[in-house]
Amino acid sequence: MALVFGAKLSTLIAVLFFTSVISVVTSSTSLITVPVMIALGIEAHVAVATNMLALTFMSVGSSLPFMGKGVLSRSRLLPSIFLTIVGSGLGALLLLKVPLKAL
């Protein structure tokens, strides 16, 4: 049992690392990570939520280098954060309403 869990965890870590590297160029992480997580036995709504959390941290991390260089428009920052939070909340609520088989 522990060996199977270890193999699944190793596979998941390898896939997530690979897709993180690919995402820098193509931003198609979700097309790979969500199906892999579901194939490894993670429930669909948990896989989607986990993927969205990872994307949030990846977005923050990729934005930090631009903060100190004055490239980001400060006047657009607060409205963008607000829209992101509202959109994320609505997406999370929608995920709870969509039947698992549809995912």
PDB file of N, CA and C in Angstrom:
ATOM      1  N   MET A   1       0.828  -1.201   0.000  1.00  0.00           N
ATOM      2  CA  MET A   1       0.000   0.000   0.000  1.00  0.00           C
ATOM      3  C   MET A   1       0.872   1.264   0.000  1.00  0.00           C
ATOM      4  N   ALA A   2       1.869   1.299   0.886  1.00  0.00           N
ATOM      5  CA  ALA A   2       2.747   2.469   0.960  1.00  0.00           C
ATOM      6  C   ALA A   2       3.552   2.628  -0.315  1.00  0.00           C
ATOM      7  N   LEU A   3       3.926   1.498  -0.936  1.00  0.00           N
ATOM      8  CA  LEU A   3       4.690   1.541  -2.179  1.00  0.00           C
ATOM      9  C   LEU A   3       3.852   2.125  -3.316  1.00  0.00           C
ATOM     10  N   VAL A   4       2.574   1.748  -3.366  1.00  0.00           N
ATOM     11  CA  VAL A   4       1.678   2.284  -4.398  1.00  0.00           C
ATOM     12  C   VAL A   4       1.477   3.781  -4.197  1.00  0.00           C
ATOM     13  N   PHE A   5       1.266   4.193  -2.938  1.00  0.00           N
ATOM     14  CA  PHE A   5       1.101   5.617  -2.650  1.00  0.00           C
ATOM     15  C   PHE A   5       2.362   6.386  -3.021  1.00  0.00           C
ATOM     16  N   GLY A   6       3.520   5.836  -2.694  1.00  0.00           N
ATOM     17  CA  GLY A   6       4.784   6.478  -3.024  1.00  0.00           C
ATOM     18  C   GLY A   6       4.978   6.620  -4.524  1.00  0.00           C
ATOM     19  N   ALA A   7       4.584   5.593  -5.279  1.00  0.00           N
ATOM     20  CA  ALA A   7       4.701   5.650  -6.734  1.00  0.00           C
ATOM     21  C   ALA A   7       3.766   6.702  -7.308  1.00  0.00           C
ATOM     22  N   LYS A   8       2.539   6.762  -6.794  1.00  0.00           N
ATOM     23  CA  LYS A   8       1.584   7.771  -7.270  1.00  0.00           C
ATOM     24  C   LYS A   8       2.067   9.175  -6.935  1.00  0.00           C
ATOM     25  N   LEU A   9       2.580   9.339  -5.723  1.00  0.00           N
ATOM     26  CA  LEU A   9       3.068  10.651  -5.312  1.00  0.00           C
ATOM     27  C   LEU A   9       4.269  11.068  -6.154  1.00  0.00           C
ATOM     28  N   SER A  10       5.167  10.146  -6.416  1.00  0.00           N
ATOM     29  CA  SER A  10       6.334  10.443  -7.253  1.00  0.00           C
ATOM     30  C   SER A  10       5.912  10.826  -8.665  1.00  0.00           C
ATOM     31  N   THR A  11       4.950  10.095  -9.207  1.00  0.00           N
ATOM     32  CA  THR A  11       4.437  10.411 -10.544  1.00  0.00           C
ATOM     33  C   THR A  11       3.810  11.797 -10.560  1.00  0.00           C
ATOM     34  N   LEU A  12       3.012  12.084  -9.555  1.00  0.00           N
ATOM     35  CA  LEU A  12       2.345  13.380  -9.486  1.00  0.00           C
ATOM     36  C   LEU A  12       3.350  14.516  -9.351  1.00  0.00           C
ATOM     37  N   ILE A  13       4.357  14.347  -8.522  1.00  0.00           N
ATOM     38  CA  ILE A  13       5.384  15.381  -8.363  1.00  0.00           C
ATOM     39  C   ILE A  13       6.125  15.608  -9.678  1.00  0.00           C
ATOM     40  N   ALA A  14       6.472  14.526 -10.355  1.00  0.00           N
ATOM     41  CA  ALA A  14       7.191  14.648 -11.633  1.00  0.00           C
ATOM     42  C   ALA A  14       6.338  15.366 -12.676  1.00  0.00           C
ATOM     43  N   VAL A  15       5.064  14.991 -12.769  1.00  0.00           N
ATOM     44  CA  VAL A  15       4.170  15.624 -13.746  1.00  0.00           C
ATOM     45  C   VAL A  15       3.970  17.092 -13.407  1.00  0.00           C
ATOM     46  N   LEU A  16       3.762  17.412 -12.140  1.00  0.00           N
ATOM     47  CA  LEU A  16       3.550  18.812 -11.749  1.00  0.00           C
ATOM     48  C   LEU A  16       4.793  19.653 -12.001  1.00  0.00           C
ATOM     49  N   PHE A  17       5.971  19.097 -11.747  1.00  0.00           N
ATOM     50  CA  PHE A  17       7.198  19.830 -12.040  1.00  0.00           C
ATOM     51  C   PHE A  17       7.334  20.071 -13.541  1.00  0.00           C
ATOM     52  N   PHE A  18       7.111  19.022 -14.328  1.00  0.00           N
ATOM     53  CA  PHE A  18       7.215  19.131 -15.788  1.00  0.00           C
ATOM     54  C   PHE A  18       6.232  20.168 -16.332  1.00  0.00           C
ATOM     55  N   THR A  19       4.992  20.126 -15.862  1.00  0.00           N
ATOM     56  CA  THR A  19       3.997  21.079 -16.372  1.00  0.00           C
ATOM     57  C   THR A  19       4.282  22.497 -15.898  1.00  0.00           C
ATOM     58  N   SER A  20       4.892  22.656 -14.743  1.00  0.00           N
ATOM     59  CA  SER A  20       5.270  23.997 -14.292  1.00  0.00           C
ATOM     60  C   SER A  20       6.309  24.597 -15.226  1.00  0.00           C
ATOM     61  N   VAL A  21       7.264  23.779 -15.647  1.00  0.00           N
ATOM     62  CA  VAL A  21       8.287  24.250 -16.581  1.00  0.00           C
ATOM     63  C   VAL A  21       7.649  24.590 -17.922  1.00  0.00           C
ATOM     64  N   ILE A  22       6.755  23.724 -18.403  1.00  0.00           N
ATOM     65  CA  ILE A  22       6.075  23.947 -19.683  1.00  0.00           C
ATOM     66  C   ILE A  22       5.160  25.170 -19.602  1.00  0.00           C
ATOM     67  N   SER A  23       4.521  25.362 -18.454  1.00  0.00           N
ATOM     68  CA  SER A  23       3.562  26.458 -18.294  1.00  0.00           C
ATOM     69  C   SER A  23       4.195  27.820 -18.475  1.00  0.00           C
ATOM     70  N   VAL A  24       5.462  27.940 -18.177  1.00  0.00           N
ATOM     71  CA  VAL A  24       6.146  29.217 -18.347  1.00  0.00           C
ATOM     72  C   VAL A  24       6.066  29.658 -19.808  1.00  0.00           C
ATOM     73  N   VAL A  25       6.086  28.704 -20.716  1.00  0.00           N
ATOM     74  CA  VAL A  25       6.076  29.015 -22.143  1.00  0.00           C
ATOM     75  C   VAL A  25       4.664  28.966 -22.729  1.00  0.00           C
ATOM     76  N   THR A  26       3.888  27.943 -22.387  1.00  0.00           N
ATOM     77  CA  THR A  26       2.614  27.711 -23.071  1.00  0.00           C
ATOM     78  C   THR A  26       1.372  28.008 -22.243  1.00  0.00           C
ATOM     79  N   SER A  27       1.492  28.085 -20.937  1.00  0.00           N
ATOM     80  CA  SER A  27       0.379  28.247 -19.995  1.00  0.00           C
ATOM     81  C   SER A  27      -0.712  27.212 -20.164  1.00  0.00           C
ATOM     82  N   SER A  28      -0.344  25.989 -20.424  1.00  0.00           N
ATOM     83  CA  SER A  28      -1.337  24.923 -20.573  1.00  0.00           C
ATOM     84  C   SER A  28      -1.237  23.894 -19.451  1.00  0.00           C
ATOM     85  N   THR A  29      -0.883  24.332 -18.277  1.00  0.00           N
ATOM     86  CA  THR A  29      -0.692  23.435 -17.140  1.00  0.00           C
ATOM     87  C   THR A  29      -1.937  22.616 -16.839  1.00  0.00           C
ATOM     88  N   SER A  30      -3.090  23.251 -16.829  1.00  0.00           N
ATOM     89  CA  SER A  30      -4.326  22.578 -16.439  1.00  0.00           C
ATOM     90  C   SER A  30      -4.698  21.435 -17.368  1.00  0.00           C
ATOM     91  N   LEU A  31      -4.323  21.537 -18.630  1.00  0.00           N
ATOM     92  CA  LEU A  31      -4.650  20.472 -19.578  1.00  0.00           C
ATOM     93  C   LEU A  31      -3.926  19.177 -19.262  1.00  0.00           C
ATOM     94  N   ILE A  32      -2.843  19.274 -18.512  1.00  0.00           N
ATOM     95  CA  ILE A  32      -2.068  18.087 -18.167  1.00  0.00           C
ATOM     96  C   ILE A  32      -2.312  17.681 -16.718  1.00  0.00           C
ATOM     97  N   THR A  33      -2.225  18.630 -15.802  1.00  0.00           N
ATOM     98  CA  THR A  33      -2.251  18.280 -14.378  1.00  0.00           C
ATOM     99  C   THR A  33      -3.599  17.745 -13.910  1.00  0.00           C
ATOM    100  N   VAL A  34      -4.691  18.354 -14.332  1.00  0.00           N
ATOM    101  CA  VAL A  34      -6.006  17.913 -13.851  1.00  0.00           C
ATOM    102  C   VAL A  34      -6.300  16.479 -14.288  1.00  0.00           C
ATOM    103  N   PRO A  35      -6.151  16.124 -15.573  1.00  0.00           N
ATOM    104  CA  PRO A  35      -6.393  14.723 -15.937  1.00  0.00           C
ATOM    105  C   PRO A  35      -5.459  13.732 -15.241  1.00  0.00           C
ATOM    106  N   VAL A  36      -4.202  14.118 -15.018  1.00  0.00           N
ATOM    107  CA  VAL A  36      -3.270  13.215 -14.327  1.00  0.00           C
ATOM    108  C   VAL A  36      -3.721  13.004 -12.889  1.00  0.00           C
ATOM    109  N   MET A  37      -4.115  14.076 -12.209  1.00  0.00           N
ATOM    110  CA  MET A  37      -4.584  13.927 -10.835  1.00  0.00           C
ATOM    111  C   MET A  37      -5.825  13.043 -10.770  1.00  0.00           C
ATOM    112  N   ILE A  38      -6.740  13.221 -11.698  1.00  0.00           N
ATOM    113  CA  ILE A  38      -7.950  12.389 -11.725  1.00  0.00           C
ATOM    114  C   ILE A  38      -7.577  10.937 -12.014  1.00  0.00           C
ATOM    115  N   ALA A  39      -6.656  10.713 -12.943  1.00  0.00           N
ATOM    116  CA  ALA A  39      -6.220   9.351 -13.271  1.00  0.00           C
ATOM    117  C   ALA A  39      -5.540   8.673 -12.083  1.00  0.00           C
ATOM    118  N   LEU A  40      -4.911   9.452 -11.216  1.00  0.00           N
ATOM    119  CA  LEU A  40      -4.247   8.891 -10.042  1.00  0.00           C
ATOM    120  C   LEU A  40      -5.200   8.723  -8.857  1.00  0.00           C
ATOM    121  N   GLY A  41      -6.486   8.983  -9.076  1.00  0.00           N
ATOM    122  CA  GLY A  41      -7.482   8.715  -8.048  1.00  0.00           C
ATOM    123  C   GLY A  41      -7.926   9.905  -7.225  1.00  0.00           C
ATOM    124  N   ILE A  42      -7.485  11.092  -7.557  1.00  0.00           N
ATOM    125  CA  ILE A  42      -7.942  12.283  -6.841  1.00  0.00           C
ATOM    126  C   ILE A  42      -9.305  12.684  -7.407  1.00  0.00           C
ATOM    127  N   GLU A  43     -10.231  13.005  -6.518  1.00  0.00           N
ATOM    128  CA  GLU A  43     -11.571  13.386  -6.973  1.00  0.00           C
ATOM    129  C   GLU A  43     -11.493  14.606  -7.878  1.00  0.00           C
ATOM    130  N   ALA A  44     -12.392  14.665  -8.863  1.00  0.00           N
ATOM    131  CA  ALA A  44     -12.338  15.704  -9.893  1.00  0.00           C
ATOM    132  C   ALA A  44     -12.378  17.114  -9.307  1.00  0.00           C
ATOM    133  N   HIS A  45     -13.295  17.373  -8.395  1.00  0.00           N
ATOM    134  CA  HIS A  45     -13.389  18.738  -7.850  1.00  0.00           C
ATOM    135  C   HIS A  45     -12.173  19.087  -7.005  1.00  0.00           C
ATOM    136  N   VAL A  46     -11.567  18.110  -6.346  1.00  0.00           N
ATOM    137  CA  VAL A  46     -10.340  18.356  -5.577  1.00  0.00           C
ATOM    138  C   VAL A  46      -9.176  18.627  -6.536  1.00  0.00           C
ATOM    139  N   ALA A  47      -9.130  17.887  -7.648  1.00  0.00           N
ATOM    140  CA  ALA A  47      -8.070  18.094  -8.642  1.00  0.00           C
ATOM    141  C   ALA A  47      -8.147  19.499  -9.239  1.00  0.00           C
ATOM    142  N   VAL A  48      -9.353  19.942  -9.566  1.00  0.00           N
ATOM    143  CA  VAL A  48      -9.526  21.280 -10.144  1.00  0.00           C
ATOM    144  C   VAL A  48      -9.155  22.346  -9.121  1.00  0.00           C
ATOM    145  N   ALA A  49      -9.615  22.190  -7.883  1.00  0.00           N
ATOM    146  CA  ALA A  49      -9.308  23.176  -6.849  1.00  0.00           C
ATOM    147  C   ALA A  49      -7.807  23.223  -6.557  1.00  0.00           C
ATOM    148  N   THR A  50      -7.165  22.062  -6.509  1.00  0.00           N
ATOM    149  CA  THR A  50      -5.725  22.014  -6.276  1.00  0.00           C
ATOM    150  C   THR A  50      -4.974  22.699  -7.404  1.00  0.00           C
ATOM    151  N   ASN A  51      -5.413  22.457  -8.618  1.00  0.00           N
ATOM    152  CA  ASN A  51      -4.786  23.086  -9.783  1.00  0.00           C
ATOM    153  C   ASN A  51      -4.943  24.601  -9.735  1.00  0.00           C
ATOM    154  N   MET A  52      -6.109  25.083  -9.352  1.00  0.00           N
ATOM    155  CA  MET A  52      -6.329  26.522  -9.287  1.00  0.00           C
ATOM    156  C   MET A  52      -5.473  27.163  -8.193  1.00  0.00           C
ATOM    157  N   LEU A  53      -5.298  26.475  -7.078  1.00  0.00           N
ATOM    158  CA  LEU A  53      -4.439  26.997  -6.020  1.00  0.00           C
ATOM    159  C   LEU A  53      -2.991  27.091  -6.515  1.00  0.00           C
ATOM    160  N   ALA A  54      -2.549  26.064  -7.208  1.00  0.00           N
ATOM    161  CA  ALA A  54      -1.182  26.086  -7.752  1.00  0.00           C
ATOM    162  C   ALA A  54      -1.018  27.212  -8.766  1.00  0.00           C
ATOM    163  N   LEU A  55      -2.025  27.418  -9.609  1.00  0.00           N
ATOM    164  CA  LEU A  55      -1.958  28.496 -10.602  1.00  0.00           C
ATOM    165  C   LEU A  55      -1.911  29.872  -9.934  1.00  0.00           C
ATOM    166  N   THR A  56      -2.593  30.006  -8.807  1.00  0.00           N
ATOM    167  CA  THR A  56      -2.567  31.272  -8.080  1.00  0.00           C
ATOM    168  C   THR A  56      -1.147  31.594  -7.627  1.00  0.00           C
ATOM    169  N   PHE A  57      -0.476  30.604  -7.034  1.00  0.00           N
ATOM    170  CA  PHE A  57       0.896  30.835  -6.575  1.00  0.00           C
ATOM    171  C   PHE A  57       1.849  31.035  -7.748  1.00  0.00           C
ATOM    172  N   MET A  58       1.615  30.337  -8.856  1.00  0.00           N
ATOM    173  CA  MET A  58       2.467  30.531 -10.026  1.00  0.00           C
ATOM    174  C   MET A  58       2.290  31.949 -10.584  1.00  0.00           C
ATOM    175  N   SER A  59       1.073  32.448 -10.582  1.00  0.00           N
ATOM    176  CA  SER A  59       0.811  33.797 -11.087  1.00  0.00           C
ATOM    177  C   SER A  59       1.450  34.853 -10.203  1.00  0.00           C
ATOM    178  N   VAL A  60       1.329  34.678  -8.900  1.00  0.00           N
ATOM    179  CA  VAL A  60       1.956  35.626  -7.974  1.00  0.00           C
ATOM    180  C   VAL A  60       3.473  35.609  -8.164  1.00  0.00           C
ATOM    181  N   GLY A  61       4.026  34.414  -8.247  1.00  0.00           N
ATOM    182  CA  GLY A  61       5.467  34.291  -8.422  1.00  0.00           C
ATOM    183  C   GLY A  61       5.967  34.899  -9.719  1.00  0.00           C
ATOM    184  N   SER A  62       5.187  34.753 -10.769  1.00  0.00           N
ATOM    185  CA  SER A  62       5.624  35.317 -12.052  1.00  0.00           C
ATOM    186  C   SER A  62       5.411  36.827 -12.112  1.00  0.00           C
ATOM    187  N   SER A  63       4.566  37.379 -11.252  1.00  0.00           N
ATOM    188  CA  SER A  63       4.316  38.821 -11.240  1.00  0.00           C
ATOM    189  C   SER A  63       5.339  39.590 -10.416  1.00  0.00           C
ATOM    190  N   LEU A  64       5.933  38.944  -9.441  1.00  0.00           N
ATOM    191  CA  LEU A  64       6.853  39.637  -8.527  1.00  0.00           C
ATOM    192  C   LEU A  64       8.014  40.341  -9.222  1.00  0.00           C
ATOM    193  N   PRO A  65       8.654  39.748 -10.230  1.00  0.00           N
ATOM    194  CA  PRO A  65       9.757  40.464 -10.872  1.00  0.00           C
ATOM    195  C   PRO A  65       9.334  41.787 -11.520  1.00  0.00           C
ATOM    196  N   PHE A  66       8.073  41.894 -11.892  1.00  0.00           N
ATOM    197  CA  PHE A  66       7.600  43.105 -12.551  1.00  0.00           C
ATOM    198  C   PHE A  66       7.215  44.208 -11.570  1.00  0.00           C
ATOM    199  N   MET A  67       6.974  43.837 -10.311  1.00  0.00           N
ATOM    200  CA  MET A  67       6.541  44.824  -9.320  1.00  0.00           C
ATOM    201  C   MET A  67       7.599  45.914  -9.102  1.00  0.00           C
ATOM    202  N   GLY A  68       8.841  45.528  -8.958  1.00  0.00           N
ATOM    203  CA  GLY A  68       9.892  46.495  -8.666  1.00  0.00           C
ATOM    204  C   GLY A  68      10.348  47.298  -9.867  1.00  0.00           C
ATOM    205  N   LYS A  69       9.979  46.881 -11.057  1.00  0.00           N
ATOM    206  CA  LYS A  69      10.449  47.555 -12.269  1.00  0.00           C
ATOM    207  C   LYS A  69       9.483  48.615 -12.777  1.00  0.00           C
ATOM    208  N   GLY A  70       8.349  48.773 -12.131  1.00  0.00           N
ATOM    209  CA  GLY A  70       7.390  49.787 -12.546  1.00  0.00           C
ATOM    210  C   GLY A  70       6.642  49.441 -13.823  1.00  0.00           C
ATOM    211  N   VAL A  71       6.644  48.186 -14.199  1.00  0.00           N
ATOM    212  CA  VAL A  71       5.977  47.762 -15.430  1.00  0.00           C
ATOM    213  C   VAL A  71       4.469  47.642 -15.220  1.00  0.00           C
ATOM    214  N   LEU A  72       4.072  47.265 -14.009  1.00  0.00           N
ATOM    215  CA  LEU A  72       2.650  47.080 -13.725  1.00  0.00           C
ATOM    216  C   LEU A  72       1.980  48.426 -13.452  1.00  0.00           C
ATOM    217  N   SER A  73       0.792  48.600 -13.978  1.00  0.00           N
ATOM    218  CA  SER A  73       0.027  49.813 -13.761  1.00  0.00           C
ATOM    219  C   SER A  73      -0.646  49.747 -12.398  1.00  0.00           C
ATOM    220  N   ARG A  74      -0.214  50.594 -11.486  1.00  0.00           N
ATOM    221  CA  ARG A  74      -0.779  50.593 -10.132  1.00  0.00           C
ATOM    222  C   ARG A  74      -2.266  50.960 -10.138  1.00  0.00           C
ATOM    223  N   SER A  75      -2.696  51.775 -11.091  1.00  0.00           N
ATOM    224  CA  SER A  75      -4.108  52.168 -11.137  1.00  0.00           C
ATOM    225  C   SER A  75      -5.014  51.003 -11.535  1.00  0.00           C
ATOM    226  N   ARG A  76      -4.468  50.025 -12.224  1.00  0.00           N
ATOM    227  CA  ARG A  76      -5.255  48.862 -12.639  1.00  0.00           C
ATOM    228  C   ARG A  76      -5.126  47.694 -11.667  1.00  0.00           C
ATOM    229  N   LEU A  77      -4.212  47.792 -10.719  1.00  0.00           N
ATOM    230  CA  LEU A  77      -3.917  46.675  -9.836  1.00  0.00           C
ATOM    231  C   LEU A  77      -5.105  46.306  -8.943  1.00  0.00           C
ATOM    232  N   LEU A  78      -5.674  47.272  -8.219  1.00  0.00           N
ATOM    233  CA  LEU A  78      -6.789  46.968  -7.320  1.00  0.00           C
ATOM    234  C   LEU A  78      -8.018  46.449  -8.056  1.00  0.00           C
ATOM    235  N   PRO A  79      -8.441  47.076  -9.178  1.00  0.00           N
ATOM    236  CA  PRO A  79      -9.581  46.504  -9.897  1.00  0.00           C
ATOM    237  C   PRO A  79      -9.296  45.088 -10.409  1.00  0.00           C
ATOM    238  N   SER A  80      -8.063  44.832 -10.819  1.00  0.00           N
ATOM    239  CA  SER A  80      -7.702  43.499 -11.297  1.00  0.00           C
ATOM    240  C   SER A  80      -7.764  42.473 -10.177  1.00  0.00           C
ATOM    241  N   ILE A  81      -7.276  42.842  -8.992  1.00  0.00           N
ATOM    242  CA  ILE A  81      -7.331  41.941  -7.841  1.00  0.00           C
ATOM    243  C   ILE A  81      -8.781  41.664  -7.473  1.00  0.00           C
ATOM    244  N   PHE A  82      -9.602  42.711  -7.461  1.00  0.00           N
ATOM    245  CA  PHE A  82     -11.022  42.538  -7.138  1.00  0.00           C
ATOM    246  C   PHE A  82     -11.703  41.597  -8.123  1.00  0.00           C
ATOM    247  N   LEU A  83     -11.501  41.830  -9.418  1.00  0.00           N
ATOM    248  CA  LEU A  83     -12.118  40.967 -10.429  1.00  0.00           C
ATOM    249  C   LEU A  83     -11.619  39.531 -10.330  1.00  0.00           C
ATOM    250  N   THR A  84     -10.359  39.356  -9.994  1.00  0.00           N
ATOM    251  CA  THR A  84      -9.806  38.015  -9.834  1.00  0.00           C
ATOM    252  C   THR A  84     -10.457  37.291  -8.669  1.00  0.00           C
ATOM    253  N   ILE A  85     -10.618  37.983  -7.549  1.00  0.00           N
ATOM    254  CA  ILE A  85     -11.239  37.358  -6.375  1.00  0.00           C
ATOM    255  C   ILE A  85     -12.698  37.017  -6.653  1.00  0.00           C
ATOM    256  N   VAL A  86     -13.433  37.926  -7.266  1.00  0.00           N
ATOM    257  CA  VAL A  86     -14.842  37.668  -7.587  1.00  0.00           C
ATOM    258  C   VAL A  86     -14.954  36.501  -8.580  1.00  0.00           C
ATOM    259  N   GLY A  87     -14.138  36.515  -9.622  1.00  0.00           N
ATOM    260  CA  GLY A  87     -14.177  35.433 -10.608  1.00  0.00           C
ATOM    261  C   GLY A  87     -13.799  34.093 -10.009  1.00  0.00           C
ATOM    262  N   SER A  88     -12.816  34.084  -9.131  1.00  0.00           N
ATOM    263  CA  SER A  88     -12.404  32.844  -8.478  1.00  0.00           C
ATOM    264  C   SER A  88     -13.510  32.314  -7.572  1.00  0.00           C
ATOM    265  N   GLY A  89     -14.134  33.216  -6.849  1.00  0.00           N
ATOM    266  CA  GLY A  89     -15.241  32.809  -5.977  1.00  0.00           C
ATOM    267  C   GLY A  89     -16.400  32.232  -6.763  1.00  0.00           C
ATOM    268  N   LEU A  90     -16.761  32.891  -7.853  1.00  0.00           N
ATOM    269  CA  LEU A  90     -17.852  32.378  -8.693  1.00  0.00           C
ATOM    270  C   LEU A  90     -17.479  31.035  -9.317  1.00  0.00           C
ATOM    271  N   GLY A  91     -16.228  30.897  -9.731  1.00  0.00           N
ATOM    272  CA  GLY A  91     -15.778  29.621 -10.289  1.00  0.00           C
ATOM    273  C   GLY A  91     -15.832  28.498  -9.266  1.00  0.00           C
ATOM    274  N   ALA A  92     -15.454  28.811  -8.028  1.00  0.00           N
ATOM    275  CA  ALA A  92     -15.502  27.806  -6.967  1.00  0.00           C
ATOM    276  C   ALA A  92     -16.940  27.395  -6.670  1.00  0.00           C
ATOM    277  N   LEU A  93     -17.842  28.363  -6.642  1.00  0.00           N
ATOM    278  CA  LEU A  93     -19.259  28.039  -6.424  1.00  0.00           C
ATOM    279  C   LEU A  93     -19.815  27.205  -7.572  1.00  0.00           C
ATOM    280  N   LEU A  94     -19.430  27.538  -8.778  1.00  0.00           N
ATOM    281  CA  LEU A  94     -19.875  26.771  -9.940  1.00  0.00           C
ATOM    282  C   LEU A  94     -19.351  25.341  -9.871  1.00  0.00           C
ATOM    283  N   LEU A  95     -18.122  25.187  -9.431  1.00  0.00           N
ATOM    284  CA  LEU A  95     -17.532  23.851  -9.315  1.00  0.00           C
ATOM    285  C   LEU A  95     -18.313  22.994  -8.338  1.00  0.00           C
ATOM    286  N   LEU A  96     -18.859  23.609  -7.281  1.00  0.00           N
ATOM    287  CA  LEU A  96     -19.659  22.853  -6.320  1.00  0.00           C
ATOM    288  C   LEU A  96     -21.016  22.463  -6.886  1.00  0.00           C
ATOM    289  N   LYS A  97     -21.499  23.199  -7.868  1.00  0.00           N
ATOM    290  CA  LYS A  97     -22.816  22.936  -8.452  1.00  0.00           C
ATOM    291  C   LYS A  97     -22.783  21.955  -9.622  1.00  0.00           C
ATOM    292  N   VAL A  98     -21.647  21.864 -10.299  1.00  0.00           N
ATOM    293  CA  VAL A  98     -21.521  20.998 -11.472  1.00  0.00           C
ATOM    294  C   VAL A  98     -21.401  19.551 -10.984  1.00  0.00           C
ATOM    295  N   PRO A  99     -22.177  18.633 -11.571  1.00  0.00           N
ATOM    296  CA  PRO A  99     -22.060  17.219 -11.169  1.00  0.00           C
ATOM    297  C   PRO A  99     -20.644  16.699 -11.437  1.00  0.00           C
ATOM    298  N   LEU A 100     -20.155  15.851 -10.541  1.00  0.00           N
ATOM    299  CA  LEU A 100     -18.801  15.332 -10.674  1.00  0.00           C
ATOM    300  C   LEU A 100     -18.573  14.593 -11.986  1.00  0.00           C
ATOM    301  N   LYS A 101     -19.577  13.915 -12.479  1.00  0.00           N
ATOM    302  CA  LYS A 101     -19.414  13.176 -13.746  1.00  0.00           C
ATOM    303  C   LYS A 101     -19.204  14.123 -14.918  1.00  0.00           C
ATOM    304  N   ALA A 102     -19.701  15.354 -14.800  1.00  0.00           N
ATOM    305  CA  ALA A 102     -19.507  16.332 -15.884  1.00  0.00           C
ATOM    306  C   ALA A 102     -18.076  16.816 -15.922  1.00  0.00           C
ATOM    307  N   LEU A 103     -17.374  16.744 -14.798  1.00  0.00           N
ATOM    308  CA  LEU A 103     -15.995  17.182 -14.770  1.00  0.00           C
ATOM    309  C   LEU A 103     -15.120  16.146 -15.415  1.00  0.00           C
TER     310      LEU A 103
END
